[in-house]
Amino acid sequence: MSITIRTRKGSFWRCGIQHTTTPVAYPEGTFGASQLDALRCEPKLIVEEPLVGESEKGSATPEKTTPKAPAKTARGK
């Protein structure tokens, strides 16, 4: 499973690699478990991973590991 990493703004170093706003795909095994945790928890980075159970060549949309705000819904009368 590969992961794609980019920054929200500018450039930023994490796990010995300079990340920028340009998405970069890293193959499986590039980062250890503790490094992956650090990358996923870093608010300055956007880490995208394939959906669990889907092949990378499939049509699944990558899962974004950044928190999402709850969807706003219109109130009916």
N, C-alpha and C. Protein backbone atom coordinates (compact mmCIF):
# COMPACT_ATOMS: atom_id res chain seq x y z
N MET A 1 0.85 -1.18 0.00
CA MET A 1 0.00 0.00 0.00
C MET A 1 0.89 1.24 0.00
N SER A 2 0.72 2.09 -0.96
CA SER A 2 1.49 3.33 -0.98
C SER A 2 0.67 4.44 -0.32
N ILE A 3 1.36 5.50 0.06
CA ILE A 3 0.67 6.66 0.61
C ILE A 3 1.13 7.89 -0.18
N THR A 4 0.27 8.88 -0.24
CA THR A 4 0.59 10.14 -0.91
C THR A 4 0.59 11.24 0.15
N ILE A 5 1.64 12.04 0.15
CA ILE A 5 1.79 13.08 1.17
C ILE A 5 2.04 14.42 0.50
N ARG A 6 1.40 15.46 1.04
CA ARG A 6 1.66 16.83 0.61
C ARG A 6 1.39 17.74 1.81
N THR A 7 1.88 18.97 1.72
CA THR A 7 1.63 19.93 2.80
C THR A 7 0.41 20.78 2.46
N ARG A 8 -0.14 21.38 3.48
CA ARG A 8 -1.25 22.30 3.26
C ARG A 8 -0.74 23.62 2.68
N LYS A 9 0.51 23.99 3.06
CA LYS A 9 1.06 25.28 2.64
C LYS A 9 2.59 25.21 2.77
N GLY A 10 3.29 25.70 1.77
CA GLY A 10 4.75 25.78 1.83
C GLY A 10 5.42 24.42 1.87
N SER A 11 6.57 24.38 2.53
CA SER A 11 7.29 23.11 2.68
C SER A 11 7.50 22.84 4.17
N PHE A 12 7.68 21.56 4.48
CA PHE A 12 7.75 21.14 5.87
C PHE A 12 8.50 19.82 5.95
N TRP A 13 9.41 19.71 6.91
CA TRP A 13 10.18 18.49 7.11
C TRP A 13 9.52 17.61 8.16
N ARG A 14 9.36 16.33 7.85
CA ARG A 14 8.89 15.35 8.81
C ARG A 14 9.44 14.00 8.40
N CYS A 15 9.94 13.24 9.36
CA CYS A 15 10.51 11.90 9.13
C CYS A 15 11.70 11.94 8.17
N GLY A 16 12.47 13.03 8.23
CA GLY A 16 13.68 13.14 7.41
C GLY A 16 13.44 13.46 5.95
N ILE A 17 12.22 13.83 5.60
CA ILE A 17 11.87 14.14 4.21
C ILE A 17 11.21 15.51 4.16
N GLN A 18 11.61 16.31 3.17
CA GLN A 18 10.97 17.60 2.98
C GLN A 18 9.72 17.40 2.13
N HIS A 19 8.58 17.75 2.69
CA HIS A 19 7.30 17.63 1.99
C HIS A 19 6.89 19.02 1.50
N THR A 20 6.26 19.06 0.32
CA THR A 20 5.80 20.33 -0.26
C THR A 20 4.32 20.20 -0.63
N THR A 21 3.78 21.22 -1.28
CA THR A 21 2.38 21.19 -1.68
C THR A 21 2.15 20.26 -2.89
N THR A 22 3.21 19.80 -3.51
CA THR A 22 3.10 18.84 -4.61
C THR A 22 2.97 17.44 -4.02
N PRO A 23 1.88 16.72 -4.32
CA PRO A 23 1.71 15.37 -3.78
C PRO A 23 2.81 14.43 -4.27
N VAL A 24 3.34 13.62 -3.35
CA VAL A 24 4.36 12.63 -3.68
C VAL A 24 3.89 11.28 -3.14
N ALA A 25 3.93 10.25 -3.99
CA ALA A 25 3.54 8.90 -3.59
C ALA A 25 4.78 8.16 -3.09
N TYR A 26 4.65 7.53 -1.92
CA TYR A 26 5.74 6.75 -1.34
C TYR A 26 5.30 5.29 -1.29
N PRO A 27 6.17 4.36 -1.74
CA PRO A 27 5.79 2.95 -1.74
C PRO A 27 5.74 2.38 -0.33
N GLU A 28 5.06 1.25 -0.21
CA GLU A 28 4.97 0.56 1.06
C GLU A 28 6.37 0.25 1.57
N GLY A 29 6.57 0.44 2.86
CA GLY A 29 7.86 0.16 3.46
C GLY A 29 8.78 1.36 3.58
N THR A 30 8.38 2.49 2.99
CA THR A 30 9.20 3.70 3.08
C THR A 30 9.27 4.20 4.52
N PHE A 31 8.15 4.10 5.23
CA PHE A 31 8.07 4.60 6.61
C PHE A 31 7.73 3.46 7.55
N GLY A 32 8.29 3.52 8.75
CA GLY A 32 7.95 2.56 9.79
C GLY A 32 6.63 2.93 10.44
N ALA A 33 6.14 2.07 11.32
CA ALA A 33 4.84 2.29 11.97
C ALA A 33 4.80 3.59 12.76
N SER A 34 5.85 3.89 13.52
CA SER A 34 5.86 5.12 14.32
C SER A 34 5.96 6.36 13.42
N GLN A 35 6.68 6.24 12.30
CA GLN A 35 6.77 7.36 11.36
C GLN A 35 5.41 7.61 10.70
N LEU A 36 4.70 6.54 10.33
CA LEU A 36 3.37 6.70 9.74
C LEU A 36 2.43 7.38 10.72
N ASP A 37 2.50 7.01 11.99
CA ASP A 37 1.67 7.66 13.00
C ASP A 37 1.99 9.15 13.09
N ALA A 38 3.28 9.49 13.07
CA ALA A 38 3.69 10.89 13.14
C ALA A 38 3.19 11.67 11.92
N LEU A 39 3.27 11.07 10.75
CA LEU A 39 2.80 11.73 9.52
C LEU A 39 1.29 11.94 9.55
N ARG A 40 0.56 10.91 9.98
CA ARG A 40 -0.91 11.00 10.03
C ARG A 40 -1.39 12.04 11.03
N CYS A 41 -0.65 12.21 12.12
CA CYS A 41 -1.05 13.13 13.19
C CYS A 41 -0.59 14.57 12.96
N GLU A 42 0.25 14.78 11.97
CA GLU A 42 0.80 16.12 11.72
C GLU A 42 -0.23 16.99 11.00
N PRO A 43 -0.73 18.04 11.66
CA PRO A 43 -1.77 18.88 11.03
C PRO A 43 -1.29 19.66 9.81
N LYS A 44 0.02 19.83 9.63
CA LYS A 44 0.53 20.57 8.48
C LYS A 44 0.56 19.71 7.21
N LEU A 45 0.34 18.40 7.36
CA LEU A 45 0.42 17.49 6.22
C LEU A 45 -0.94 16.92 5.86
N ILE A 46 -1.10 16.58 4.59
CA ILE A 46 -2.26 15.84 4.11
C ILE A 46 -1.73 14.49 3.66
N VAL A 47 -2.18 13.43 4.33
CA VAL A 47 -1.74 12.07 4.03
C VAL A 47 -2.93 11.32 3.46
N GLU A 48 -2.77 10.80 2.25
CA GLU A 48 -3.84 10.04 1.60
C GLU A 48 -3.38 8.60 1.44
N GLU A 49 -4.30 7.69 1.79
CA GLU A 49 -4.02 6.26 1.69
C GLU A 49 -5.15 5.58 0.94
N PRO A 50 -4.84 4.48 0.21
CA PRO A 50 -5.92 3.75 -0.47
C PRO A 50 -6.89 3.19 0.56
N LEU A 51 -8.13 3.01 0.15
CA LEU A 51 -9.12 2.41 1.03
C LEU A 51 -8.70 0.99 1.39
N VAL A 52 -8.97 0.57 2.60
CA VAL A 52 -8.62 -0.77 3.06
C VAL A 52 -9.39 -1.78 2.22
N GLY A 53 -8.70 -2.81 1.75
CA GLY A 53 -9.34 -3.85 0.97
C GLY A 53 -9.42 -3.58 -0.52
N GLU A 54 -9.02 -2.42 -0.96
CA GLU A 54 -9.06 -2.08 -2.38
C GLU A 54 -7.64 -2.16 -2.95
N SER A 55 -7.53 -2.65 -4.15
CA SER A 55 -6.22 -2.67 -4.79
C SER A 55 -5.89 -1.26 -5.26
N GLU A 56 -4.61 -0.97 -5.36
CA GLU A 56 -4.19 0.36 -5.77
C GLU A 56 -4.55 0.63 -7.22
N LYS A 57 -4.77 -0.42 -8.02
CA LYS A 57 -5.12 -0.23 -9.42
C LYS A 57 -6.63 -0.15 -9.59
N GLY A 58 -7.38 -0.33 -8.51
CA GLY A 58 -8.83 -0.28 -8.57
C GLY A 58 -9.34 1.14 -8.71
N SER A 59 -10.65 1.29 -8.67
CA SER A 59 -11.24 2.59 -8.88
C SER A 59 -11.56 3.32 -7.58
N ALA A 60 -11.07 2.81 -6.46
CA ALA A 60 -11.37 3.42 -5.17
C ALA A 60 -10.71 4.79 -5.06
N THR A 61 -11.39 5.70 -4.43
CA THR A 61 -10.85 7.02 -4.15
C THR A 61 -9.99 6.93 -2.91
N PRO A 62 -8.80 7.55 -2.88
CA PRO A 62 -7.96 7.47 -1.69
C PRO A 62 -8.68 8.02 -0.45
N GLU A 63 -8.40 7.38 0.66
CA GLU A 63 -8.97 7.83 1.93
C GLU A 63 -8.09 8.93 2.48
N LYS A 64 -8.67 10.08 2.78
CA LYS A 64 -7.92 11.18 3.36
C LYS A 64 -7.94 11.01 4.86
N THR A 65 -6.79 11.08 5.48
CA THR A 65 -6.72 10.84 6.91
C THR A 65 -6.80 12.12 7.71
N THR A 66 -7.10 13.23 7.07
CA THR A 66 -7.27 14.47 7.81
C THR A 66 -8.71 14.55 8.30
N PRO A 67 -8.94 15.10 9.48
CA PRO A 67 -10.30 15.17 10.02
C PRO A 67 -11.21 16.02 9.14
N LYS A 68 -12.47 15.63 9.07
CA LYS A 68 -13.45 16.38 8.29
C LYS A 68 -14.49 16.98 9.22
N ALA A 69 -14.97 18.15 8.85
CA ALA A 69 -16.04 18.79 9.61
C ALA A 69 -17.34 18.09 9.29
N PRO A 70 -18.28 18.06 10.25
CA PRO A 70 -19.57 17.43 9.97
C PRO A 70 -20.29 18.15 8.83
N ALA A 71 -21.03 17.39 8.05
CA ALA A 71 -21.77 17.97 6.92
C ALA A 71 -22.89 18.85 7.45
N LYS A 72 -23.10 19.98 6.78
CA LYS A 72 -24.19 20.87 7.14
C LYS A 72 -25.44 20.43 6.38
N THR A 73 -26.56 20.42 7.07
CA THR A 73 -27.81 20.03 6.43
C THR A 73 -28.81 21.16 6.53
N ALA A 74 -29.65 21.27 5.53
CA ALA A 74 -30.69 22.31 5.54
C ALA A 74 -31.84 21.83 6.41
N ARG A 75 -32.42 22.73 7.15
CA ARG A 75 -33.55 22.40 8.00
C ARG A 75 -34.83 22.55 7.20
N GLY A 76 -35.65 21.52 7.23
CA GLY A 76 -36.93 21.57 6.52
C GLY A 76 -38.01 22.23 7.36
N LYS A 77 -39.08 22.71 6.71
CA LYS A 77 -40.19 23.33 7.46
C LYS A 77 -41.29 22.34 7.64
